[in-house]
Amino acid sequence: MTRTKNFALGETYDGILSDLVREGRFETETEAVKAGLRMLADHEMRVQSLRQAIGAADQEIASGLGQEYRSATDLLADVMADDDRR
């Protein structure tokens, strides 16, 4: 069941929505808001995934599985080589 939401966006965001519809990017302001919410949900999922990866890396480091680098250049070279292998 769809519920109607009432909220004030302020002039800036109201203008953005109006422009998006007027320029034909979206047929309705509701479609534009839904697209924005999808992007926000996607962003939040990516942030959660990154937090999990950081937690896993922290655990590996705590377990002694980390690798120390002598310089930022050495680290960058390793990262670039790993990227090339993918």
Protein backbone atom coordinates (compact mmCIF):
# COMPACT_ATOMS: atom_id res chain seq x y z
CA MET A 1 0.00 0.00 0.00
CA THR A 2 1.41 3.37 -1.01
CA ARG A 3 1.22 6.13 1.57
CA THR A 4 1.18 9.79 0.69
CA LYS A 5 4.07 11.75 2.17
CA ASN A 6 3.96 15.45 2.79
CA PHE A 7 7.17 17.37 3.38
CA ALA A 8 8.78 20.67 2.55
CA LEU A 9 11.96 20.59 0.47
CA GLY A 10 12.83 24.25 0.52
CA GLU A 11 13.31 26.49 -2.45
CA THR A 12 16.56 24.95 -3.68
CA TYR A 13 15.35 21.35 -3.90
CA ASP A 14 11.88 22.36 -5.04
CA GLY A 15 13.52 24.23 -7.91
CA ILE A 16 15.69 21.25 -8.78
CA LEU A 17 12.65 18.98 -8.95
CA SER A 18 10.75 21.44 -11.10
CA ASP A 19 13.72 21.77 -13.46
CA LEU A 20 14.09 18.01 -13.80
CA VAL A 21 10.47 17.63 -14.83
CA ARG A 22 10.41 20.74 -17.05
CA GLU A 23 13.54 19.62 -18.88
CA GLY A 24 12.00 16.19 -19.50
CA ARG A 25 14.43 14.18 -17.40
CA PHE A 26 11.47 12.83 -15.37
CA GLU A 27 7.75 12.85 -16.09
CA THR A 28 6.82 13.69 -12.51
CA GLU A 29 8.47 15.05 -9.40
CA THR A 30 7.61 11.77 -7.67
CA GLU A 31 9.71 9.86 -10.23
CA ALA A 32 12.62 12.19 -9.56
CA VAL A 33 12.33 11.73 -5.79
CA LYS A 34 12.18 7.94 -6.21
CA ALA A 35 15.31 8.03 -8.37
CA GLY A 36 17.08 10.06 -5.71
CA LEU A 37 16.03 7.61 -3.01
CA ARG A 38 17.29 4.69 -5.12
CA MET A 39 20.65 6.44 -5.44
CA LEU A 40 20.73 7.06 -1.69
CA ALA A 41 19.90 3.40 -0.97
CA ASP A 42 22.67 2.30 -3.35
CA HIS A 43 25.13 4.68 -1.67
CA GLU A 44 24.19 3.37 1.78
CA MET A 45 24.71 -0.24 0.64
CA ARG A 46 28.15 0.67 -0.70
CA VAL A 47 29.07 2.40 2.56
CA GLN A 48 27.95 -0.65 4.53
CA SER A 49 30.00 -2.91 2.25
CA LEU A 50 33.07 -0.71 2.69
CA ARG A 51 32.63 -0.73 6.47
CA GLN A 52 32.48 -4.53 6.42
CA ALA A 53 35.63 -4.70 4.26
CA ILE A 54 37.42 -2.32 6.62
CA GLY A 55 36.36 -4.44 9.59
CA ALA A 56 37.66 -7.57 7.90
CA ALA A 57 40.95 -5.85 7.07
CA ASP A 58 41.28 -4.63 10.66
CA GLN A 59 40.82 -8.20 11.86
CA GLU A 60 43.48 -9.45 9.44
CA ILE A 61 45.90 -6.80 10.66
CA ALA A 62 45.14 -7.66 14.29
CA SER A 63 45.87 -11.30 13.44
CA GLY A 64 49.28 -10.36 12.06
CA LEU A 65 48.35 -10.81 8.41
CA GLY A 66 49.03 -7.20 7.45
CA GLN A 67 51.93 -6.12 5.30
CA GLU A 68 54.13 -3.14 6.10
CA TYR A 69 55.55 -0.96 3.37
CA ARG A 70 58.73 1.07 3.52
CA SER A 71 57.22 3.96 1.62
CA ALA A 72 54.05 5.24 0.01
CA THR A 73 55.67 4.52 -3.35
CA ASP A 74 56.02 0.83 -2.46
CA LEU A 75 52.40 0.71 -1.33
CA LEU A 76 51.21 2.39 -4.52
CA ALA A 77 53.25 0.00 -6.67
CA ASP A 78 51.67 -2.98 -4.88
CA VAL A 79 48.16 -1.57 -5.24
CA MET A 80 48.68 -0.85 -8.95
CA ALA A 81 50.12 -4.31 -9.55
CA ASP A 82 47.12 -5.86 -7.79
CA ASP A 83 44.79 -3.76 -9.95
CA ASP A 84 46.60 -4.93 -13.09
CA ARG A 85 46.11 -8.58 -12.07
CA ARG A 86 42.31 -8.18 -11.90
